[in-house]
C-alpha atoms as a PDB file:
ATOM      1  CA  MET A   1      -5.455   8.224 -10.058  1.00  0.00           C
ATOM      2  CA  LYS A   2      -4.932  10.965 -12.674  1.00  0.00           C
ATOM      3  CA  ASP A   3      -1.935  12.874 -13.545  1.00  0.00           C
ATOM      4  CA  ASN A   4      -3.291  16.067 -11.485  1.00  0.00           C
ATOM      5  CA  LEU A   5      -3.016  13.848  -8.555  1.00  0.00           C
ATOM      6  CA  LYS A   6       0.854  12.605  -9.120  1.00  0.00           C
ATOM      7  CA  ASN A   7       2.731  15.627  -7.684  1.00  0.00           C
ATOM      8  CA  ASP A   8       2.559  16.919  -3.910  1.00  0.00           C
ATOM      9  CA  GLU A   9       3.041  20.656  -3.751  1.00  0.00           C
ATOM     10  CA  CYS A  10       1.831  20.804  -0.335  1.00  0.00           C
ATOM     11  CA  ALA A  11       4.701  22.414   1.669  1.00  0.00           C
ATOM     12  CA  PRO A  12       5.293  20.256   4.646  1.00  0.00           C
ATOM     13  CA  ILE A  13       5.608  21.229   8.093  1.00  0.00           C
ATOM     14  CA  SER A  14       8.988  20.347   8.436  1.00  0.00           C
ATOM     15  CA  PRO A  15      12.131  19.119   6.331  1.00  0.00           C
ATOM     16  CA  SER A  16      10.976  15.660   5.143  1.00  0.00           C
ATOM     17  CA  LEU A  17      12.764  12.582   6.377  1.00  0.00           C
ATOM     18  CA  PRO A  18      15.580  10.973   4.859  1.00  0.00           C
ATOM     19  CA  SER A  19      14.117   7.277   3.936  1.00  0.00           C
ATOM     20  CA  SER A  20      15.901   4.426   5.440  1.00  0.00           C
ATOM     21  CA  THR A  21      14.688   1.023   7.070  1.00  0.00           C
ATOM     22  CA  LEU A  22      13.822   0.772  10.547  1.00  0.00           C
ATOM     23  CA  GLY A  23      14.340  -2.816  11.816  1.00  0.00           C
ATOM     24  CA  THR A  24      12.063  -3.032  14.856  1.00  0.00           C
ATOM     25  CA  ASP A  25      11.066  -6.371  16.930  1.00  0.00           C
ATOM     26  CA  THR A  26       7.074  -5.872  16.465  1.00  0.00           C
ATOM     27  CA  GLN A  27       5.089  -9.339  15.488  1.00  0.00           C
ATOM     28  CA  THR A  28       1.743  -9.205  13.705  1.00  0.00           C
ATOM     29  CA  PRO A  29      -0.949 -10.981  15.708  1.00  0.00           C
ATOM     30  CA  THR A  30      -2.209 -14.003  13.852  1.00  0.00           C
ATOM     31  CA  ASN A  31      -5.668 -12.576  13.919  1.00  0.00           C
ATOM     32  CA  ALA A  32      -5.179  -8.717  12.940  1.00  0.00           C
ATOM     33  CA  ARG A  33      -5.069  -8.279   9.356  1.00  0.00           C
ATOM     34  CA  THR A  34      -6.614  -5.917   6.620  1.00  0.00           C
ATOM     35  CA  SER A  35      -9.824  -6.408   4.730  1.00  0.00           C
ATOM     36  CA  SER A  36      -7.585  -7.908   2.025  1.00  0.00           C
ATOM     37  CA  GLY A  37      -6.285 -10.632   3.853  1.00  0.00           C
ATOM     38  CA  THR A  38      -2.801  -8.786   4.336  1.00  0.00           C
ATOM     39  CA  SER A  39      -0.987  -8.526   7.559  1.00  0.00           C
ATOM     40  CA  ILE A  40      -0.944  -5.113   9.124  1.00  0.00           C
ATOM     41  CA  PRO A  41       2.891  -4.623   8.327  1.00  0.00           C
ATOM     42  CA  ASP A  42       2.701  -4.923   4.659  1.00  0.00           C
ATOM     43  CA  MET A  43      -0.795  -2.943   4.987  1.00  0.00           C
ATOM     44  CA  ALA A  44      -0.315  -0.569   1.701  1.00  0.00           C
ATOM     45  CA  ALA A  45      -3.131   2.258   3.158  1.00  0.00           C
ATOM     46  CA  ALA A  46      -1.072   2.428   6.068  1.00  0.00           C
ATOM     47  CA  PRO A  47       2.967   1.578   5.576  1.00  0.00           C
ATOM     48  CA  SER A  48       5.271   1.993   8.834  1.00  0.00           C
ATOM     49  CA  PRO A  49       6.825   5.670   8.490  1.00  0.00           C
ATOM     50  CA  SER A  50      10.858   4.673   8.237  1.00  0.00           C
ATOM     51  CA  PHE A  51      13.125   6.990   9.680  1.00  0.00           C
ATOM     52  CA  ASP A  52      16.999   7.006  10.103  1.00  0.00           C
ATOM     53  CA  PRO A  53      18.100   6.413  13.403  1.00  0.00           C
ATOM     54  CA  PRO A  54      17.900   7.362  16.198  1.00  0.00           C
ATOM     55  CA  ILE A  55      13.715   7.973  16.178  1.00  0.00           C
ATOM     56  CA  THR A  56      12.481  10.921  18.156  1.00  0.00           C
ATOM     57  CA  PHE A  57       9.230  12.055  19.017  1.00  0.00           C
ATOM     58  CA  SER A  58       9.308  15.007  17.138  1.00  0.00           C
ATOM     59  CA  THR A  59      10.532  13.418  13.899  1.00  0.00           C
ATOM     60  CA  VAL A  60       7.312  10.794  14.524  1.00  0.00           C
ATOM     61  CA  ILE A  61       4.960  13.682  14.795  1.00  0.00           C
ATOM     62  CA  ASP A  62       6.826  15.666  12.001  1.00  0.00           C
ATOM     63  CA  SER A  63       6.458  12.528   9.563  1.00  0.00           C
ATOM     64  CA  ASP A  64       2.849  12.236  10.218  1.00  0.00           C
ATOM     65  CA  HIS A  65       2.344  16.070   9.524  1.00  0.00           C
ATOM     66  CA  ASN A  66       3.925  15.494   6.713  1.00  0.00           C
ATOM     67  CA  THR A  67       2.044  12.491   5.193  1.00  0.00           C
ATOM     68  CA  ILE A  68      -1.158  14.649   6.418  1.00  0.00           C
ATOM     69  CA  ASN A  69      -0.347  17.530   4.591  1.00  0.00           C
ATOM     70  CA  ARG A  70       0.487  15.627   1.084  1.00  0.00           C
ATOM     71  CA  PHE A  71      -3.195  13.985   0.754  1.00  0.00           C
ATOM     72  CA  ALA A  72      -4.581  17.740   1.545  1.00  0.00           C
ATOM     73  CA  GLY A  73      -2.327  19.098  -0.943  1.00  0.00           C
ATOM     74  CA  ARG A  74      -3.857  16.740  -3.441  1.00  0.00           C
ATOM     75  CA  LEU A  75      -7.146  17.050  -2.652  1.00  0.00           C
ATOM     76  CA  LYS A  76      -7.109  20.981  -2.883  1.00  0.00           C
ATOM     77  CA  ARG A  77      -5.552  20.397  -6.542  1.00  0.00           C
ATOM     78  CA  ALA A  78      -8.219  17.154  -6.997  1.00  0.00           C
ATOM     79  CA  ARG A  79     -10.495  18.158 -10.387  1.00  0.00           C
ATOM     80  CA  THR A  80     -13.292  15.806 -10.332  1.00  0.00           C
ATOM     81  CA  SER A  81     -15.918  14.839  -8.497  1.00  0.00           C
ATOM     82  CA  ALA A  82     -14.660  11.705  -7.785  1.00  0.00           C
ATOM     83  CA  ASP A  83     -10.987  12.642  -7.135  1.00  0.00           C
ATOM     84  CA  ARG A  84     -12.684  14.997  -4.414  1.00  0.00           C
ATOM     85  CA  VAL A  85     -14.605  12.343  -2.925  1.00  0.00           C
ATOM     86  CA  HIS A  86     -11.988   9.395  -2.693  1.00  0.00           C
ATOM     87  CA  LEU A  87      -9.136  12.067  -1.571  1.00  0.00           C
ATOM     88  CA  LEU A  88     -11.504  13.633   1.510  1.00  0.00           C
ATOM     89  CA  ARG A  89     -11.978  10.351   2.740  1.00  0.00           C
ATOM     90  CA  GLU A  90      -8.290   9.442   2.423  1.00  0.00           C
ATOM     91  CA  VAL A  91      -7.515  12.823   4.268  1.00  0.00           C
ATOM     92  CA  THR A  92     -10.114  12.353   6.638  1.00  0.00           C
ATOM     93  CA  TRP A  93      -9.127   9.122   7.882  1.00  0.00           C
ATOM     94  CA  ARG A  94      -5.651  10.099   8.046  1.00  0.00           C
ATOM     95  CA  LEU A  95      -6.273  13.401  10.157  1.00  0.00           C
ATOM     96  CA  VAL A  96      -8.643  11.270  12.345  1.00  0.00           C
ATOM     97  CA  ARG A  97      -5.718   8.192  13.048  1.00  0.00           C
ATOM     98  CA  HIS A  98      -3.572  11.593  13.831  1.00  0.00           C
ATOM     99  CA  ASP A  99      -5.847  12.739  16.729  1.00  0.00           C
ATOM    100  CA  VAL A 100      -6.045   8.671  17.769  1.00  0.00           C
ATOM    101  CA  SER A 101      -2.030   8.198  18.209  1.00  0.00           C
ATOM    102  CA  GLU A 102      -1.842  11.805  19.807  1.00  0.00           C
ATOM    103  CA  ASP A 103      -4.761  10.923  21.553  1.00  0.00           C
ATOM    104  CA  ILE A 104      -3.110   7.518  23.019  1.00  0.00           C
ATOM    105  CA  VAL A 105       0.318   8.584  23.391  1.00  0.00           C
ATOM    106  CA  MET A 106       1.153  12.571  22.934  1.00  0.00           C
ATOM    107  CA  ARG A 107      -1.319  13.887  25.306  1.00  0.00           C
ATOM    108  CA  PRO A 108      -0.698  11.346  28.219  1.00  0.00           C
ATOM    109  CA  ALA A 109       2.975  12.691  27.650  1.00  0.00           C
ATOM    110  CA  PHE A 110       1.959  16.114  28.160  1.00  0.00           C
ATOM    111  CA  VAL A 111       0.266  15.572  31.083  1.00  0.00           C
ATOM    112  CA  ALA A 112       2.064  13.568  33.086  1.00  0.00           C
ATOM    113  CA  HIS A 113       5.742  15.571  32.253  1.00  0.00           C
ATOM    114  CA  LEU A 114       4.386  19.150  31.546  1.00  0.00           C
ATOM    115  CA  GLY A 115       1.790  19.278  34.091  1.00  0.00           C
ATOM    116  CA  ASP A 116      -1.151  21.236  34.658  1.00  0.00           C
ATOM    117  CA  GLU A 117       0.206  23.231  31.038  1.00  0.00           C
ATOM    118  CA  GLY A 118       0.181  19.837  29.711  1.00  0.00           C
ATOM    119  CA  GLU A 119      -3.324  19.580  29.986  1.00  0.00           C
ATOM    120  CA  ARG A 120      -4.124  22.244  28.988  1.00  0.00           C
ATOM    121  CA  MET A 121      -2.112  21.745  26.036  1.00  0.00           C
ATOM    122  CA  ALA A 122      -3.666  18.474  25.682  1.00  0.00           C
ATOM    123  CA  GLU A 123      -7.056  19.822  25.537  1.00  0.00           C
ATOM    124  CA  HIS A 124      -6.686  22.490  23.536  1.00  0.00           C
ATOM    125  CA  ASP A 125      -4.919  19.723  20.631  1.00  0.00           C
ATOM    126  CA  ARG A 126      -8.549  17.286  20.798  1.00  0.00           C
ATOM    127  CA  THR A 127     -10.310  20.406  20.786  1.00  0.00           C
ATOM    128  CA  ASP A 128      -8.616  21.421  17.327  1.00  0.00           C
ATOM    129  CA  HIS A 129      -9.221  18.202  16.055  1.00  0.00           C
ATOM    130  CA  ASP A 130     -12.875  17.248  17.345  1.00  0.00           C
ATOM    131  CA  ARG A 131     -13.409  20.631  15.364  1.00  0.00           C
ATOM    132  CA  ALA A 132     -11.374  19.877  11.934  1.00  0.00           C
ATOM    133  CA  LYS A 133     -13.427  16.149  12.400  1.00  0.00           C
ATOM    134  CA  ILE A 134     -16.809  18.071  12.687  1.00  0.00           C
ATOM    135  CA  GLU A 135     -15.515  19.840   9.370  1.00  0.00           C
ATOM    136  CA  LEU A 136     -14.806  17.162   7.181  1.00  0.00           C
ATOM    137  CA  LEU A 137     -17.645  15.295   7.906  1.00  0.00           C
ATOM    138  CA  ALA A 138     -19.940  17.611   7.229  1.00  0.00           C
ATOM    139  CA  LEU A 139     -18.483  17.544   3.413  1.00  0.00           C
ATOM    140  CA  PHE A 140     -19.356  13.856   3.269  1.00  0.00           C
ATOM    141  CA  GLY A 141     -23.055  14.597   2.207  1.00  0.00           C
ATOM    142  CA  THR A 142     -24.184  13.981  -1.130  1.00  0.00           C
ATOM    143  CA  GLY A 143     -23.066  16.897  -3.536  1.00  0.00           C
ATOM    144  CA  GLN A 144     -20.941  18.526  -1.192  1.00  0.00           C
ATOM    145  CA  PRO A 145     -17.563  18.309  -3.694  1.00  0.00           C
ATOM    146  CA  ASP A 146     -19.336  19.742  -6.243  1.00  0.00           C
ATOM    147  CA  ALA A 147     -20.791  22.483  -4.275  1.00  0.00           C
ATOM    148  CA  PRO A 148     -19.532  26.284  -5.106  1.00  0.00           C
ATOM    149  CA  ASP A 149     -18.148  26.705  -1.418  1.00  0.00           C
ATOM    150  CA  PHE A 150     -16.173  22.821  -1.185  1.00  0.00           C
ATOM    151  CA  MET A 151     -12.684  24.513  -1.805  1.00  0.00           C
ATOM    152  CA  GLN A 152     -12.935  27.296  -0.101  1.00  0.00           C
ATOM    153  CA  ARG A 153     -13.954  25.555   3.153  1.00  0.00           C
ATOM    154  CA  ILE A 154     -10.779  22.811   2.478  1.00  0.00           C
ATOM    155  CA  ASP A 155      -8.612  26.276   2.373  1.00  0.00           C
ATOM    156  CA  ARG A 156      -9.954  27.376   5.477  1.00  0.00           C
ATOM    157  CA  LEU A 157      -9.688  24.408   7.113  1.00  0.00           C
ATOM    158  CA  PHE A 158      -6.105  23.329   6.132  1.00  0.00           C
ATOM    159  CA  ALA A 159      -5.085  26.873   7.013  1.00  0.00           C
ATOM    160  CA  GLU A 160      -6.118  25.940  10.493  1.00  0.00           C
ATOM    161  CA  LEU A 161      -4.843  22.885  10.656  1.00  0.00           C
ATOM    162  CA  LEU A 162      -1.733  24.610   9.102  1.00  0.00           C
ATOM    163  CA  GLU A 163      -1.075  26.590  12.247  1.00  0.00           C
ATOM    164  CA  HIS A 164      -2.251  23.878  14.063  1.00  0.00           C
ATOM    165  CA  MET A 165       0.766  21.700  12.808  1.00  0.00           C
ATOM    166  CA  ARG A 166       3.446  24.501  13.394  1.00  0.00           C
ATOM    167  CA  THR A 167       2.353  25.502  16.834  1.00  0.00           C
ATOM    168  CA  GLU A 168       2.352  21.559  18.379  1.00  0.00           C
ATOM    169  CA  SER A 169       5.886  20.668  15.902  1.00  0.00           C
ATOM    170  CA  GLY A 170       6.797  24.178  16.558  1.00  0.00           C
ATOM    171  CA  ASP A 171       6.178  25.413  20.445  1.00  0.00           C
ATOM    172  CA  GLN A 172       4.304  21.691  22.083  1.00  0.00           C
ATOM    173  CA  ILE A 173       6.563  19.465  21.178  1.00  0.00           C
ATOM    174  CA  PRO A 174       9.957  20.720  21.644  1.00  0.00           C
ATOM    175  CA  ALA A 175       8.258  21.706  24.869  1.00  0.00           C
ATOM    176  CA  LEU A 176       7.760  18.209  25.770  1.00  0.00           C
ATOM    177  CA  GLU A 177      11.098  17.045  24.494  1.00  0.00           C
ATOM    178  CA  ARG A 178      13.279  18.720  26.637  1.00  0.00           C
ATOM    179  CA  MET A 179      11.659  16.717  29.274  1.00  0.00           C
ATOM    180  CA  LEU A 180      12.372  13.696  28.005  1.00  0.00           C
ATOM    181  CA  ASP A 181      15.575  11.941  27.815  1.00  0.00           C
ATOM    182  CA  PRO A 182      16.949   9.938  24.036  1.00  0.00           C
ATOM    183  CA  LEU A 183      15.604   6.660  25.207  1.00  0.00           C
ATOM    184  CA  GLU A 184      11.711   8.299  26.430  1.00  0.00           C
ATOM    185  CA  SER A 185      11.912  10.382  23.353  1.00  0.00           C
ATOM    186  CA  GLN A 186      12.635   6.999  21.346  1.00  0.00           C
ATOM    187  CA  ARG A 187      10.167   5.107  23.161  1.00  0.00           C
ATOM    188  CA  LEU A 188       7.389   7.595  22.544  1.00  0.00           C
ATOM    189  CA  GLY A 189       8.376   7.304  18.611  1.00  0.00           C
ATOM    190  CA  ARG A 190       7.500   3.592  18.698  1.00  0.00           C
ATOM    191  CA  GLU A 191       4.457   4.158  20.759  1.00  0.00           C
ATOM    192  CA  TYR A 192       3.056   6.386  18.105  1.00  0.00           C
ATOM    193  CA  MET A 193       3.994   3.780  15.379  1.00  0.00           C
ATOM    194  CA  LYS A 194       2.499   1.206  16.520  1.00  0.00           C
ATOM    195  CA  THR A 195      -1.091   2.961  17.176  1.00  0.00           C
ATOM    196  CA  GLN A 196      -0.963   3.415  12.848  1.00  0.00           C
ATOM    197  CA  VAL A 197      -2.153  -0.100  13.136  1.00  0.00           C
ATOM    198  CA  LEU A 198      -5.602   1.566  13.395  1.00  0.00           C
ATOM    199  CA  ALA A 199      -6.621   1.980   9.801  1.00  0.00           C
ATOM    200  CA  PRO A 200     -10.241   1.680   8.860  1.00  0.00           C
ATOM    201  CA  ASP A 201      -9.424  -1.424   6.914  1.00  0.00           C
ATOM    202  CA  LEU A 202      -8.179  -3.366  10.338  1.00  0.00           C
ATOM    203  CA  VAL A 203      -9.736  -6.646  10.339  1.00  0.00           C
ATOM    204  CA  LEU A 204     -10.095  -9.017  14.025  1.00  0.00           C
ATOM    205  CA  SER A 205     -11.200 -12.251  14.944  1.00  0.00           C
ATOM    206  CA  ASP A 206     -14.842 -11.498  16.239  1.00  0.00           C
ATOM    207  CA  GLU A 207     -14.746 -11.954  20.189  1.00  0.00           C
ATOM    208  CA  HIS A 208     -17.384 -14.457  19.993  1.00  0.00           C
ATOM    209  CA  SER A 209     -17.349 -16.351  16.750  1.00  0.00           C
ATOM    210  CA  GLY A 210     -13.623 -16.097  16.045  1.00  0.00           C
ATOM    211  CA  GLN A 211     -14.334 -15.389  12.306  1.00  0.00           C
ATOM    212  CA  MET A 212     -12.582 -12.697  10.897  1.00  0.00           C
ATOM    213  CA  ARG A 213     -14.202  -9.173  10.040  1.00  0.00           C
ATOM    214  CA  ARG A 214     -13.891  -5.796   9.680  1.00  0.00           C
ATOM    215  CA  VAL A 215     -13.759  -3.086  12.615  1.00  0.00           C
ATOM    216  CA  TRP A 216     -15.478  -0.578  10.407  1.00  0.00           C
ATOM    217  CA  ARG A 217     -17.509  -0.604   7.400  1.00  0.00           C
ATOM    218  CA  ASP A 218     -16.468   2.533   5.898  1.00  0.00           C
ATOM    219  CA  VAL A 219     -14.569   5.394   6.148  1.00  0.00           C
ATOM    220  CA  GLU A 220     -17.601   7.029   7.749  1.00  0.00           C
ATOM    221  CA  GLU A 221     -17.993   5.601  10.233  1.00  0.00           C
ATOM    222  CA  TYR A 222     -14.068   5.017  11.716  1.00  0.00           C
ATOM    223  CA  ALA A 223     -14.292   8.860  11.502  1.00  0.00           C
ATOM    224  CA  ARG A 224     -16.968   8.898  13.499  1.00  0.00           C
ATOM    225  CA  THR A 225     -15.812   6.011  16.293  1.00  0.00           C
ATOM    226  CA  ASP A 226     -15.590   8.083  19.638  1.00  0.00           C
ATOM    227  CA  LEU A 227     -11.584   7.984  21.199  1.00  0.00           C
ATOM    228  CA  ALA A 228     -12.769   5.697  24.479  1.00  0.00           C
ATOM    229  CA  ARG A 229     -13.769   3.155  21.561  1.00  0.00           C
ATOM    230  CA  PHE A 230     -10.708   3.364  19.153  1.00  0.00           C
ATOM    231  CA  ARG A 231      -8.602   2.743  22.671  1.00  0.00           C
ATOM    232  CA  ASP A 232     -10.332  -0.554  23.590  1.00  0.00           C
ATOM    233  CA  ILE A 233      -9.654  -1.121  20.443  1.00  0.00           C
ATOM    234  CA  TYR A 234      -6.347  -0.521  20.293  1.00  0.00           C
ATOM    235  CA  GLU A 235      -5.823  -2.453  23.614  1.00  0.00           C
ATOM    236  CA  ARG A 236      -7.420  -5.656  22.304  1.00  0.00           C
ATOM    237  CA  VAL A 237      -4.366  -5.094  19.378  1.00  0.00           C
ATOM    238  CA  THR A 238      -1.395  -4.483  21.740  1.00  0.00           C
ATOM    239  CA  LYS A 239      -2.549  -7.310  24.146  1.00  0.00           C
ATOM    240  CA  GLU A 240      -1.905 -10.205  21.034  1.00  0.00           C
ATOM    241  CA  LEU A 241       0.975  -7.464  19.627  1.00  0.00           C
ATOM    242  CA  TYR A 242       3.003  -7.133  22.650  1.00  0.00           C
ATOM    243  CA  PRO A 243       1.528  -9.230  25.414  1.00  0.00           C
ATOM    244  CA  THR A 244       4.125  -8.372  27.831  1.00  0.00           C
ATOM    245  CA  THR A 245       4.283  -4.104  27.484  1.00  0.00           C
ATOM    246  CA  THR A 246       1.693  -1.544  28.357  1.00  0.00           C
ATOM    247  CA  THR A 247       0.381   0.422  25.470  1.00  0.00           C
ATOM    248  CA  THR A 248       2.149   3.880  26.352  1.00  0.00           C
ATOM    249  CA  GLY A 249       3.420   3.846  30.049  1.00  0.00           C
ATOM    250  CA  TYR A 250       1.009   6.414  31.372  1.00  0.00           C
ATOM    251  CA  GLY A 251      -2.417   4.912  31.392  1.00  0.00           C
ATOM    252  CA  ARG A 252      -5.178   6.927  30.490  1.00  0.00           C
ATOM    253  CA  GLY A 253      -4.554   9.557  33.035  1.00  0.00           C
ATOM    254  CA  LYS A 254      -7.069  12.395  33.376  1.00  0.00           C
ATOM    255  CA  LEU A 255      -7.934  12.810  29.426  1.00  0.00           C
END
């Protein structure tokens, strides 16, 4: 990557978390790997975040927000068409995975702990993400990174997402945390981290032939996958990773 992509200038939603090693008891299924053949925890494209203990749901969400913002900052500073294409795809899949992780873990928790207000929060969150994904996918067309209004559209989109993240981290997640005891907050944080396995280069064994193959051909197919399909894939992975546990503890609920 060129020098103009090295420095991250995009301000994070919250202060950067200190880096430390988090011990986990997770295991990698023998048939869940990246397309390069490495096991999921070693996946360079989607490393597991690390935190100073104790983990909380808030710190995990904020860390994911910060990562998305870093790549958004790189996209805004990209000078060549090739860099814009690469970083647009990077930002898109990370934002889509964030949406999927929230749909699996956060939105059911909103509904379970905050009732009708939580359901409204969950639906608003989903709507914001759907709108952002549609806008990003519209920029995938041929010639779009060189269009005169490309950066204006990116700036507008991420200004809206920045406000969305501020509301989520500043109001919604704290409201949820007030309803959780520390152990439950930590459990939700760990559940969220498990969902990070859902990256575009995930490889699973074919259910019929047993052969290893990529779940998605490319980032665009990944981004166009609906949430129900993501949940089905995640349930399959977690049955192999954690055969004695459920995914979130809340089920799919109303959402």
